N, C-alpha and C. Protein backbone atom coordinates (compact mmCIF):
# COMPACT_ATOMS: atom_id res chain seq x y z
N UNK A 1 15.75 98.06 83.70
CA UNK A 1 15.79 96.65 83.96
C UNK A 1 15.49 96.37 85.43
N UNK A 2 15.72 97.36 86.28
CA UNK A 2 15.45 97.18 87.70
C UNK A 2 13.96 96.99 87.95
N UNK A 3 13.14 97.71 87.19
CA UNK A 3 11.70 97.58 87.35
C UNK A 3 11.24 96.19 86.95
N UNK A 4 11.87 95.61 85.93
CA UNK A 4 11.55 94.27 85.50
C UNK A 4 11.84 93.26 86.61
N UNK A 5 12.96 93.44 87.28
CA UNK A 5 13.31 92.56 88.39
C UNK A 5 12.24 92.62 89.47
N UNK A 6 11.77 93.81 89.80
CA UNK A 6 10.73 93.96 90.80
C UNK A 6 9.45 93.27 90.37
N UNK A 7 9.07 93.43 89.10
CA UNK A 7 7.88 92.78 88.59
C UNK A 7 8.00 91.27 88.67
N UNK A 8 9.13 90.72 88.24
CA UNK A 8 9.30 89.27 88.26
C UNK A 8 9.26 88.72 89.69
N UNK A 9 9.90 89.40 90.60
CA UNK A 9 9.90 88.96 92.00
C UNK A 9 8.48 88.94 92.54
N UNK A 10 7.73 89.99 92.28
CA UNK A 10 6.35 90.06 92.76
C UNK A 10 5.51 88.93 92.18
N UNK A 11 5.63 88.69 90.88
CA UNK A 11 4.86 87.64 90.23
C UNK A 11 5.23 86.28 90.80
N UNK A 12 6.51 86.02 90.95
CA UNK A 12 6.95 84.72 91.45
C UNK A 12 6.46 84.48 92.88
N UNK A 13 6.53 85.49 93.72
CA UNK A 13 6.03 85.34 95.09
C UNK A 13 4.55 85.05 95.09
N UNK A 14 3.79 85.77 94.29
CA UNK A 14 2.35 85.52 94.22
C UNK A 14 2.04 84.12 93.72
N UNK A 15 2.76 83.68 92.71
CA UNK A 15 2.56 82.32 92.20
C UNK A 15 2.90 81.31 93.27
N UNK A 16 3.99 81.52 93.97
CA UNK A 16 4.38 80.60 95.04
C UNK A 16 3.34 80.51 96.14
N UNK A 17 2.67 81.60 96.42
CA UNK A 17 1.65 81.59 97.47
C UNK A 17 0.34 80.99 97.01
N UNK A 18 0.02 81.11 95.71
CA UNK A 18 -1.29 80.70 95.23
C UNK A 18 -1.28 79.36 94.50
N UNK A 19 -0.15 78.89 94.05
CA UNK A 19 -0.11 77.69 93.21
C UNK A 19 -0.45 76.44 94.02
N UNK A 20 -1.16 75.55 93.38
CA UNK A 20 -1.49 74.25 94.00
C UNK A 20 -0.35 73.28 93.74
N UNK A 21 -0.15 72.30 94.62
CA UNK A 21 0.92 71.32 94.40
C UNK A 21 0.75 70.60 93.07
N UNK A 22 1.85 70.41 92.38
CA UNK A 22 1.80 69.75 91.08
C UNK A 22 1.71 68.25 91.25
N UNK A 23 0.82 67.63 90.47
CA UNK A 23 0.63 66.19 90.55
C UNK A 23 1.61 65.46 89.66
N UNK A 24 2.16 66.13 88.67
CA UNK A 24 3.10 65.52 87.74
C UNK A 24 4.34 66.38 87.65
N UNK A 25 5.30 65.91 86.86
CA UNK A 25 6.54 66.65 86.70
C UNK A 25 6.43 67.84 85.76
N UNK A 26 5.35 67.94 85.00
CA UNK A 26 5.19 69.05 84.07
C UNK A 26 4.98 70.35 84.83
N UNK A 27 5.65 71.43 84.42
CA UNK A 27 5.46 72.71 85.11
C UNK A 27 4.13 73.35 84.72
N UNK A 28 3.67 74.23 85.59
CA UNK A 28 2.52 75.06 85.29
C UNK A 28 3.04 76.31 84.59
N UNK A 29 2.37 76.71 83.52
CA UNK A 29 2.82 77.85 82.72
C UNK A 29 1.94 79.06 83.03
N UNK A 30 2.57 80.21 83.26
CA UNK A 30 1.88 81.47 83.49
C UNK A 30 2.41 82.49 82.50
N UNK A 31 1.51 83.22 81.90
CA UNK A 31 1.93 84.29 81.00
C UNK A 31 1.58 83.97 79.58
N UNK A 32 2.12 84.73 78.67
CA UNK A 32 3.18 85.71 78.87
C UNK A 32 2.69 87.01 79.49
N UNK A 33 3.59 87.65 80.22
CA UNK A 33 3.38 88.96 80.81
C UNK A 33 4.30 89.94 80.08
N UNK A 34 3.87 91.19 79.96
CA UNK A 34 4.68 92.21 79.31
C UNK A 34 4.96 93.34 80.28
N UNK A 35 6.20 93.79 80.30
CA UNK A 35 6.61 94.92 81.13
C UNK A 35 7.32 95.93 80.23
N UNK A 36 6.93 97.20 80.31
CA UNK A 36 7.54 98.26 79.53
C UNK A 36 8.02 99.34 80.50
N UNK A 37 9.29 99.76 80.37
CA UNK A 37 9.85 100.73 81.30
C UNK A 37 11.04 101.46 80.67
N UNK A 38 11.34 102.67 81.14
CA UNK A 38 12.53 103.39 80.64
C UNK A 38 13.78 102.89 81.35
N UNK A 39 14.89 102.92 80.64
CA UNK A 39 16.18 102.56 81.22
C UNK A 39 17.27 103.29 80.43
N UNK A 40 18.50 103.19 80.89
CA UNK A 40 19.61 103.86 80.23
C UNK A 40 20.47 102.83 79.51
N UNK A 41 20.78 103.08 78.26
CA UNK A 41 21.66 102.22 77.48
C UNK A 41 23.07 102.36 78.05
N UNK A 42 23.67 101.27 78.58
CA UNK A 42 25.00 101.40 79.19
C UNK A 42 26.11 101.64 78.16
N UNK A 43 25.83 101.41 76.88
CA UNK A 43 26.85 101.63 75.85
C UNK A 43 26.87 103.08 75.37
N UNK A 44 25.71 103.76 75.41
CA UNK A 44 25.65 105.13 74.89
C UNK A 44 25.33 106.16 75.95
N UNK A 45 24.69 105.74 77.05
CA UNK A 45 24.25 106.68 78.07
C UNK A 45 22.91 107.32 77.77
N UNK A 46 22.32 106.99 76.62
CA UNK A 46 21.03 107.55 76.24
C UNK A 46 19.89 106.74 76.85
N UNK A 47 18.77 107.41 77.10
CA UNK A 47 17.59 106.72 77.62
C UNK A 47 16.93 105.93 76.51
N UNK A 48 16.37 104.79 76.88
CA UNK A 48 15.66 103.94 75.92
C UNK A 48 14.43 103.36 76.61
N UNK A 49 13.46 102.92 75.84
CA UNK A 49 12.27 102.27 76.36
C UNK A 49 12.45 100.77 76.17
N UNK A 50 12.32 100.00 77.24
CA UNK A 50 12.54 98.57 77.22
C UNK A 50 11.20 97.84 77.30
N UNK A 51 11.01 96.85 76.44
CA UNK A 51 9.82 96.00 76.48
C UNK A 51 10.28 94.57 76.68
N UNK A 52 9.80 93.92 77.75
CA UNK A 52 10.17 92.54 78.03
C UNK A 52 8.89 91.71 78.13
N UNK A 53 8.89 90.55 77.45
CA UNK A 53 7.80 89.59 77.52
C UNK A 53 8.30 88.37 78.29
N UNK A 54 7.55 87.97 79.31
CA UNK A 54 7.99 86.92 80.22
C UNK A 54 6.95 85.80 80.28
N UNK A 55 7.41 84.55 80.18
CA UNK A 55 6.57 83.39 80.42
C UNK A 55 7.19 82.63 81.59
N UNK A 56 6.37 82.36 82.62
CA UNK A 56 6.85 81.69 83.83
C UNK A 56 6.44 80.22 83.83
N UNK A 57 7.35 79.37 84.30
CA UNK A 57 7.10 77.95 84.44
C UNK A 57 7.40 77.59 85.89
N UNK A 58 6.43 76.98 86.59
CA UNK A 58 6.69 76.64 87.99
C UNK A 58 6.36 75.19 88.28
N UNK A 59 7.01 74.70 89.32
CA UNK A 59 6.78 73.33 89.79
C UNK A 59 6.91 73.34 91.32
N UNK A 60 5.95 72.76 91.98
CA UNK A 60 6.03 72.62 93.43
C UNK A 60 6.38 71.17 93.71
N UNK A 61 7.51 70.97 94.35
CA UNK A 61 8.02 69.63 94.61
C UNK A 61 7.75 69.18 96.03
N UNK A 62 8.59 68.30 96.50
CA UNK A 62 8.47 67.75 97.83
C UNK A 62 8.53 68.84 98.89
N UNK A 63 7.77 68.70 99.94
CA UNK A 63 7.72 69.65 101.05
C UNK A 63 7.34 71.06 100.60
N UNK A 64 6.54 71.16 99.53
CA UNK A 64 6.08 72.45 99.01
C UNK A 64 7.21 73.40 98.62
N UNK A 65 8.34 72.86 98.23
CA UNK A 65 9.41 73.71 97.69
C UNK A 65 9.04 74.10 96.27
N UNK A 66 9.19 75.37 95.96
CA UNK A 66 8.83 75.93 94.66
C UNK A 66 10.08 76.10 93.83
N UNK A 67 10.04 75.63 92.58
CA UNK A 67 11.13 75.83 91.64
C UNK A 67 10.51 76.42 90.38
N UNK A 68 11.08 77.50 89.91
CA UNK A 68 10.52 78.13 88.72
C UNK A 68 11.60 78.67 87.81
N UNK A 69 11.20 78.94 86.60
CA UNK A 69 12.09 79.58 85.64
C UNK A 69 11.23 80.46 84.75
N UNK A 70 11.87 81.40 84.11
CA UNK A 70 11.17 82.29 83.19
C UNK A 70 11.96 82.39 81.90
N UNK A 71 11.25 82.31 80.80
CA UNK A 71 11.85 82.58 79.50
C UNK A 71 11.39 83.96 79.08
N UNK A 72 12.31 84.72 78.48
CA UNK A 72 12.00 86.10 78.15
C UNK A 72 12.42 86.44 76.73
N UNK A 73 11.68 87.36 76.13
CA UNK A 73 12.05 87.99 74.88
C UNK A 73 11.89 89.48 75.11
N UNK A 74 12.52 90.29 74.27
CA UNK A 74 12.37 91.72 74.46
C UNK A 74 13.00 92.54 73.36
N UNK A 75 12.65 93.82 73.37
CA UNK A 75 13.20 94.79 72.43
C UNK A 75 13.36 96.13 73.16
N UNK A 76 14.16 97.01 72.58
CA UNK A 76 14.29 98.37 73.12
C UNK A 76 14.03 99.36 72.00
N UNK A 77 13.68 100.57 72.38
CA UNK A 77 13.43 101.62 71.40
C UNK A 77 14.71 102.04 70.68
N UNK A 78 15.88 101.69 71.23
CA UNK A 78 17.15 102.03 70.59
C UNK A 78 17.65 100.92 69.67
N UNK A 79 16.87 99.86 69.50
CA UNK A 79 17.20 98.85 68.50
C UNK A 79 17.71 97.52 69.02
N UNK A 80 17.91 97.36 70.32
CA UNK A 80 18.38 96.08 70.84
C UNK A 80 17.27 95.04 70.81
N UNK A 81 17.68 93.78 70.62
CA UNK A 81 16.77 92.64 70.67
C UNK A 81 17.36 91.66 71.68
N UNK A 82 16.53 91.15 72.59
CA UNK A 82 17.02 90.17 73.56
C UNK A 82 17.32 88.87 72.83
N UNK A 83 18.57 88.41 72.94
CA UNK A 83 18.99 87.17 72.28
C UNK A 83 19.08 86.01 73.27
N UNK A 84 18.97 86.32 74.54
CA UNK A 84 18.94 85.29 75.57
C UNK A 84 18.46 85.89 76.87
N UNK A 85 17.35 85.39 77.39
CA UNK A 85 16.83 85.91 78.64
C UNK A 85 16.24 84.80 79.47
N UNK A 86 16.83 84.55 80.63
CA UNK A 86 16.38 83.46 81.48
C UNK A 86 16.44 83.85 82.95
N UNK A 87 15.47 83.39 83.71
CA UNK A 87 15.42 83.60 85.16
C UNK A 87 15.25 82.24 85.82
N UNK A 88 15.79 82.09 87.00
CA UNK A 88 15.61 80.88 87.80
C UNK A 88 15.22 81.30 89.21
N UNK A 89 14.29 80.54 89.82
CA UNK A 89 13.79 80.84 91.16
C UNK A 89 13.68 79.56 91.97
N UNK A 90 13.94 79.69 93.26
CA UNK A 90 13.69 78.62 94.20
C UNK A 90 13.07 79.24 95.44
N UNK A 91 12.11 78.55 96.03
CA UNK A 91 11.47 79.09 97.22
C UNK A 91 11.05 77.96 98.14
N UNK A 92 11.13 78.23 99.43
CA UNK A 92 10.57 77.33 100.43
C UNK A 92 9.85 78.21 101.43
N UNK A 93 9.54 77.69 102.60
CA UNK A 93 8.81 78.47 103.59
C UNK A 93 9.63 79.62 104.17
N UNK A 94 10.94 79.62 103.95
CA UNK A 94 11.81 80.61 104.59
C UNK A 94 12.36 81.69 103.66
N UNK A 95 12.60 81.34 102.40
CA UNK A 95 13.31 82.27 101.53
C UNK A 95 12.97 82.03 100.06
N UNK A 96 13.04 83.09 99.27
CA UNK A 96 12.97 83.02 97.81
C UNK A 96 14.34 83.45 97.30
N UNK A 97 14.92 82.66 96.42
CA UNK A 97 16.21 82.97 95.83
C UNK A 97 16.03 82.99 94.32
N UNK A 98 16.55 84.02 93.67
CA UNK A 98 16.40 84.12 92.23
C UNK A 98 17.62 84.70 91.56
N UNK A 99 17.75 84.41 90.29
CA UNK A 99 18.82 84.99 89.48
C UNK A 99 18.32 85.16 88.06
N UNK A 100 18.96 86.09 87.34
CA UNK A 100 18.60 86.28 85.94
C UNK A 100 19.82 86.71 85.15
N UNK A 101 19.75 86.45 83.84
CA UNK A 101 20.78 86.93 82.91
C UNK A 101 20.09 87.20 81.58
N UNK A 102 20.20 88.44 81.14
CA UNK A 102 19.62 88.85 79.86
C UNK A 102 20.74 89.38 78.98
N UNK A 103 20.78 88.94 77.74
CA UNK A 103 21.75 89.44 76.77
C UNK A 103 20.97 90.06 75.62
N UNK A 104 21.34 91.29 75.28
CA UNK A 104 20.68 92.05 74.22
C UNK A 104 21.70 92.37 73.14
N UNK A 105 21.25 92.39 71.87
CA UNK A 105 22.15 92.68 70.75
C UNK A 105 21.47 93.65 69.80
N UNK A 106 22.24 94.62 69.33
CA UNK A 106 21.76 95.53 68.29
C UNK A 106 22.07 94.87 66.96
N UNK A 107 21.06 94.44 66.20
CA UNK A 107 21.32 93.73 64.95
C UNK A 107 21.99 94.59 63.88
N UNK A 108 21.93 95.90 64.02
CA UNK A 108 22.54 96.77 63.01
C UNK A 108 24.05 96.86 63.15
N UNK A 109 24.56 96.96 64.39
CA UNK A 109 26.01 97.13 64.55
C UNK A 109 26.67 96.10 65.46
N UNK A 110 25.91 95.17 66.04
CA UNK A 110 26.48 94.10 66.84
C UNK A 110 26.75 94.45 68.29
N UNK A 111 26.46 95.68 68.71
CA UNK A 111 26.66 96.07 70.11
C UNK A 111 25.82 95.16 71.01
N UNK A 112 26.40 94.78 72.15
CA UNK A 112 25.68 93.93 73.10
C UNK A 112 25.65 94.58 74.48
N UNK A 113 24.55 94.35 75.19
CA UNK A 113 24.45 94.72 76.60
C UNK A 113 24.00 93.49 77.36
N UNK A 114 24.36 93.46 78.63
CA UNK A 114 24.03 92.32 79.48
C UNK A 114 23.51 92.82 80.82
N UNK A 115 22.43 92.21 81.27
CA UNK A 115 21.90 92.49 82.60
C UNK A 115 21.91 91.19 83.39
N UNK A 116 22.52 91.22 84.58
CA UNK A 116 22.55 90.05 85.44
C UNK A 116 22.16 90.46 86.85
N UNK A 117 21.64 89.52 87.59
CA UNK A 117 21.29 89.84 88.97
C UNK A 117 21.01 88.60 89.78
N UNK A 118 21.19 88.75 91.09
CA UNK A 118 20.85 87.72 92.07
C UNK A 118 20.16 88.42 93.23
N UNK A 119 19.12 87.80 93.76
CA UNK A 119 18.38 88.42 94.86
C UNK A 119 17.81 87.36 95.78
N UNK A 120 17.44 87.81 96.98
CA UNK A 120 16.79 86.95 97.98
C UNK A 120 15.63 87.73 98.61
N UNK A 121 14.58 87.01 98.94
CA UNK A 121 13.49 87.58 99.72
C UNK A 121 13.34 86.69 100.94
N UNK A 122 13.51 87.28 102.11
CA UNK A 122 13.37 86.55 103.37
C UNK A 122 12.45 87.37 104.27
N UNK A 123 11.35 86.78 104.68
CA UNK A 123 10.38 87.52 105.47
C UNK A 123 9.83 88.67 104.65
N UNK A 124 9.86 89.87 105.19
CA UNK A 124 9.39 91.05 104.47
C UNK A 124 10.53 91.85 103.85
N UNK A 125 11.72 91.27 103.78
CA UNK A 125 12.88 92.00 103.27
C UNK A 125 13.38 91.41 101.96
N UNK A 126 13.77 92.30 101.05
CA UNK A 126 14.37 91.87 99.79
C UNK A 126 15.83 92.33 99.77
N UNK A 127 16.72 91.43 99.38
CA UNK A 127 18.14 91.71 99.32
C UNK A 127 18.62 91.54 97.89
N UNK A 128 19.23 92.58 97.33
CA UNK A 128 19.83 92.49 96.01
C UNK A 128 21.29 92.09 96.23
N UNK A 129 21.62 90.85 95.93
CA UNK A 129 22.98 90.37 96.12
C UNK A 129 23.90 90.82 94.99
N UNK A 130 23.32 91.01 93.81
CA UNK A 130 24.11 91.44 92.66
C UNK A 130 23.16 92.05 91.65
N UNK A 131 23.56 93.15 91.05
CA UNK A 131 22.85 93.68 89.89
C UNK A 131 23.88 94.37 89.02
N UNK A 132 23.89 94.01 87.74
CA UNK A 132 24.89 94.57 86.85
C UNK A 132 24.26 94.77 85.47
N UNK A 133 24.30 95.98 84.96
CA UNK A 133 23.89 96.31 83.61
C UNK A 133 25.10 96.91 82.92
N UNK A 134 25.61 96.23 81.89
CA UNK A 134 26.86 96.71 81.31
C UNK A 134 26.89 96.49 79.80
N UNK A 135 27.73 97.27 79.17
CA UNK A 135 28.01 97.15 77.75
C UNK A 135 29.08 96.06 77.61
N UNK A 136 28.78 94.99 76.88
CA UNK A 136 29.74 93.89 76.76
C UNK A 136 30.31 93.75 75.36
N UNK A 137 29.89 94.60 74.45
CA UNK A 137 30.42 94.51 73.10
C UNK A 137 30.29 95.80 72.35
N UNK A 138 31.38 96.31 71.88
CA UNK A 138 31.37 97.55 71.10
C UNK A 138 30.82 97.24 69.71
N UNK A 139 30.37 98.25 69.00
CA UNK A 139 29.88 98.03 67.63
C UNK A 139 30.92 97.36 66.75
N UNK A 140 30.43 96.48 65.88
CA UNK A 140 31.32 95.82 64.92
C UNK A 140 31.21 96.53 63.59
N UNK A 141 32.26 96.46 62.83
CA UNK A 141 32.27 97.15 61.53
C UNK A 141 31.97 96.16 60.43
């Protein structure tokens, strides 16, 4: 999931640099983009292959402030399906601030995992303020 965060940050920064000011309130849509990467299942400790599909929506408002969000869907090779995946971004000339929360569920046994994070990009530096990948639900019978 860490690689996905890096991909999203890169895409959002590029969009923020290249996007033209919006003439209306409707966001500009980019994607969907697909990212596939290995990760560890926090409930079992086993490695799994994660596939995430991301669609980005951006709006440039007053004073060229960028506001964006991403809707996501995804699956894993171990059977999880993303049941809720959302990202939010804000950027101005000084900083990019973002957060995400993804909830995954195994439809066979009800096990859930959650990935959350908050980050900032200021100048040439990226700061991970929070990153958490955890098992939030044991299998149901």
